[in-house]
C-alpha atoms as a PDB file:
ATOM      1  CA  TYR A   1      -4.141 -55.309   8.040  1.00  0.00           C
ATOM      2  CA  GLN A   2      -2.322 -58.825   8.618  1.00  0.00           C
ATOM      3  CA  TYR A   3      -5.881 -60.645   7.902  1.00  0.00           C
ATOM      4  CA  LEU A   4      -7.177 -58.108   5.019  1.00  0.00           C
ATOM      5  CA  SER A   5      -3.741 -58.193   3.220  1.00  0.00           C
ATOM      6  CA  ARG A   6      -3.868 -62.032   3.129  1.00  0.00           C
ATOM      7  CA  TYR A   7      -7.048 -61.969   2.107  1.00  0.00           C
ATOM      8  CA  LYS A   8      -6.826 -59.801  -0.691  1.00  0.00           C
ATOM      9  CA  ARG A   9      -3.875 -61.570  -1.916  1.00  0.00           C
ATOM     10  CA  LYS A  10      -6.545 -64.848  -1.884  1.00  0.00           C
ATOM     11  CA  GLU A  11      -4.161 -66.554   0.624  1.00  0.00           C
ATOM     12  CA  ASN A  12      -5.493 -69.339   2.783  1.00  0.00           C
ATOM     13  CA  LEU A  13      -6.545 -67.843   6.053  1.00  0.00           C
ATOM     14  CA  ASP A  14      -7.360 -71.249   7.843  1.00  0.00           C
ATOM     15  CA  HIS A  15      -3.892 -71.679   9.371  1.00  0.00           C
ATOM     16  CA  PHE A  16      -3.069 -67.984   9.838  1.00  0.00           C
ATOM     17  CA  LEU A  17      -2.810 -66.520  13.569  1.00  0.00           C
ATOM     18  CA  PHE A  18      -2.180 -62.946  14.079  1.00  0.00           C
ATOM     19  CA  ILE A  19       0.808 -62.440  15.646  1.00  0.00           C
ATOM     20  CA  PRO A  20       0.544 -59.112  17.861  1.00  0.00           C
ATOM     21  CA  GLY A  21       3.582 -56.276  17.410  1.00  0.00           C
ATOM     22  CA  ARG A  22       4.488 -58.037  14.003  1.00  0.00           C
ATOM     23  CA  THR A  23       4.873 -54.963  11.197  1.00  0.00           C
ATOM     24  CA  GLU A  24       3.741 -55.503   7.791  1.00  0.00           C
ATOM     25  CA  GLY A  25       3.315 -52.829   5.279  1.00  0.00           C
ATOM     26  CA  THR A  26       3.290 -49.361   5.523  1.00  0.00           C
ATOM     27  CA  GLU A  27       0.873 -46.604   7.388  1.00  0.00           C
ATOM     28  CA  LYS A  28      -0.089 -45.849   3.658  1.00  0.00           C
ATOM     29  CA  GLU A  29      -0.761 -49.285   2.612  1.00  0.00           C
ATOM     30  CA  CYS A  30      -2.895 -49.823   5.735  1.00  0.00           C
ATOM     31  CA  LEU A  31      -4.737 -46.877   5.321  1.00  0.00           C
ATOM     32  CA  LYS A  32      -5.595 -47.568   1.619  1.00  0.00           C
ATOM     33  CA  LEU A  33      -6.641 -51.431   2.453  1.00  0.00           C
ATOM     34  CA  LEU A  34      -9.024 -49.971   5.341  1.00  0.00           C
ATOM     35  CA  LEU A  35     -10.571 -47.726   3.082  1.00  0.00           C
ATOM     36  CA  GLU A  36     -10.980 -50.540   0.517  1.00  0.00           C
ATOM     37  CA  PHE A  37     -12.631 -52.973   2.841  1.00  0.00           C
ATOM     38  CA  CYS A  38     -14.278 -50.697   5.021  1.00  0.00           C
ATOM     39  CA  GLY A  39     -17.410 -50.727   2.702  1.00  0.00           C
ATOM     40  CA  ARG A  40     -18.218 -46.904   2.607  1.00  0.00           C
ATOM     41  CA  HIS A  41     -17.328 -44.135   0.578  1.00  0.00           C
ATOM     42  CA  ASN A  42     -15.105 -41.633   1.917  1.00  0.00           C
ATOM     43  CA  PRO A  43     -15.809 -42.504   5.771  1.00  0.00           C
ATOM     44  CA  SER A  44     -14.805 -40.472   8.668  1.00  0.00           C
ATOM     45  CA  TRP A  45     -12.221 -41.495  11.012  1.00  0.00           C
ATOM     46  CA  THR A  46     -15.025 -42.405  13.340  1.00  0.00           C
ATOM     47  CA  GLU A  47     -16.253 -45.112  11.001  1.00  0.00           C
ATOM     48  CA  LEU A  48     -12.698 -46.271  10.101  1.00  0.00           C
ATOM     49  CA  SER A  49     -12.231 -46.916  13.825  1.00  0.00           C
ATOM     50  CA  ASN A  50     -15.290 -48.609  14.284  1.00  0.00           C
ATOM     51  CA  PHE A  51     -14.778 -51.075  11.420  1.00  0.00           C
ATOM     52  CA  THR A  52     -11.152 -51.627  12.807  1.00  0.00           C
ATOM     53  CA  HIS A  53     -12.295 -52.383  16.299  1.00  0.00           C
ATOM     54  CA  PHE A  54     -15.615 -54.761  15.030  1.00  0.00           C
ATOM     55  CA  LEU A  55     -13.178 -56.670  12.874  1.00  0.00           C
ATOM     56  CA  ASN A  56     -10.530 -56.928  15.509  1.00  0.00           C
ATOM     57  CA  PHE A  57     -12.865 -57.909  17.953  1.00  0.00           C
ATOM     58  CA  GLN A  58     -14.542 -60.700  15.477  1.00  0.00           C
ATOM     59  CA  LEU A  59     -11.089 -61.990  14.161  1.00  0.00           C
ATOM     60  CA  SER A  60      -9.898 -62.433  17.993  1.00  0.00           C
ATOM     61  CA  LYS A  61     -13.257 -64.515  18.840  1.00  0.00           C
ATOM     62  CA  CYS A  62     -12.687 -66.506  15.487  1.00  0.00           C
ATOM     63  CA  GLU A  63      -9.433 -67.816  16.234  1.00  0.00           C
ATOM     64  CA  LYS A  64     -10.383 -68.553  19.968  1.00  0.00           C
ATOM     65  CA  SER A  65     -13.325 -70.321  18.439  1.00  0.00           C
ATOM     66  CA  VAL A  66     -13.143 -74.424  18.346  1.00  0.00           C
ATOM     67  CA  PHE A  67     -14.838 -74.559  15.009  1.00  0.00           C
ATOM     68  CA  CYS A  68     -12.283 -72.482  13.238  1.00  0.00           C
ATOM     69  CA  SER A  69      -9.353 -73.741  14.720  1.00  0.00           C
ATOM     70  CA  PRO A  70      -6.453 -75.647  12.470  1.00  0.00           C
ATOM     71  CA  ALA A  71      -7.758 -78.864  14.017  1.00  0.00           C
ATOM     72  CA  VAL A  72     -11.505 -78.857  12.810  1.00  0.00           C
ATOM     73  CA  GLY A  73     -10.156 -76.502   9.867  1.00  0.00           C
ATOM     74  CA  LYS A  74     -10.000 -80.239   7.699  1.00  0.00           C
ATOM     75  CA  ASP A  75     -13.848 -80.723   8.082  1.00  0.00           C
ATOM     76  CA  PHE A  76     -14.935 -76.884   8.046  1.00  0.00           C
ATOM     77  CA  GLN A  77     -12.451 -75.403   5.554  1.00  0.00           C
ATOM     78  CA  GLY A  78     -12.982 -71.755   4.794  1.00  0.00           C
ATOM     79  CA  PHE A  79     -15.439 -71.381   7.678  1.00  0.00           C
END
């Protein structure tokens, strides 16, 4: 939710890091955003679960990648 909400507001994500335990938005806002970005019309709970697990895995890998670190960010802006 933290990434998707910032992405939707067109904020720069190059220096943003996920903070576990940080509560933002409501459950209703989160579900609405997941439904918007899931890419499926009327997805099942399983499809939403798969989408969130995949997105979380990819974003975790991205945060740990040397190519996506803030130090390299100026050379690969938006990568």
